[in-house]
Amino acid sequence: LRMLQVKLIVTGDDFGYCPRRNQGIVDCFLAGAISNVSLLVNGSAAADAAKLARRHNIPIGLHANLSEGSPVCEVLKTNSSLLNQDGFFHGKMGFRTALSKGLLNMSEVKQELKAQVELFHELTGHLPPHMDGHQHVHVLPEVRHVFAEVLEEYGIKYTRVPIEPGLHNCDWIPPSLMEFYLGVEEDSFNTVDVFTKHGIRWPDMYIGLSTMGRNMSVSSIRSAIDSAVLQLTARAPQSSTGTIELMVHPGYPSVPPVGGCGEGPDDFSQSWERLHELQTLIKPELQSHYKSRNIQLCSFKDL
């Protein structure tokens, strides 16, 4: 049996969130533990993040954000359907509620997504090779169409479709979170045709929901990867290569009031869980697992 050659993109999300997140992500990259980052252009340390990416030659894409903090498009900062009464985005669940009630103006969604691509270009000097959604907003109904149009307009080839093999068997995930994940999964299934129609691509497999924060361990990452490799092999037995994206959130905990996307840092960012991810990802036994499984870390531009 020929062993599948796996290209693994380990993406550190939320680059630009705060200086301590940036430092943690850079440390992870320099340790060879992540191979790609996703930038929040409305993050309080986004400009610094872009400089660090350039200095260390870190492959960087766009983490489009419609749910946390403030918009980057000037016109939408004051009076827009994307804002709550406090003048900030509606939040992870608030965005979904507003959307389901038909309260969000899709042309404003498109305007903001384009403004974020433009700002990314301004900060980094290039367009993002990949673009995904903070808190998975990019696979939501209606949003998915606008998101796909923006990617096609800018010629951005790659995105993320968060359908994780083996997710249903992860009995350590609390029911409320599992409900959210299964919603993300269902939205993702319904997005596949839309992204395909617009010529957008994504890795063969996605993992990262079952391994977030406190649930990350060398063994949880290993079993998520093994589960993905099994599915890859079953799906295309003739194929000799496959690609997987592992979404991670390493960093040193944010210390308020510094950080965030306009409102200060959230609980997850201030928690020990970010540091726990960082410490797990740099463990040598994880690196040796990759070698034993013929897994090569890469970024989207290597696909």
Foldseek 3Di string as FASTA:
>chain_A
DAFFQEAEAEEAEAQQQFPQLLVLVLVCVVLVLHQEYAYALLKNRRLVSLVSCVVVVGQYAHAQELAWFAFPDPVQQPDFLQQDPVSTGLHLVGNVVCVVVVSHDLVVLLVRRLSRQVSVCVSNVDGGLEYAYDSRPCLAPPNVLSSLVSCLVRVNAEYDQPAFFPLVVLVVDDPVLSVSSVVSNVSSVVNVVSNVVSNHDYFPHEDESCQAFPSNALVSVVVSVVRSSVVVCVVCVPDRYGYYYYYYHAGAADDPPTGISHRRDDPVSNDCRNPVRSVRSSDVVSVVSCVVSNYHYHHPVVD
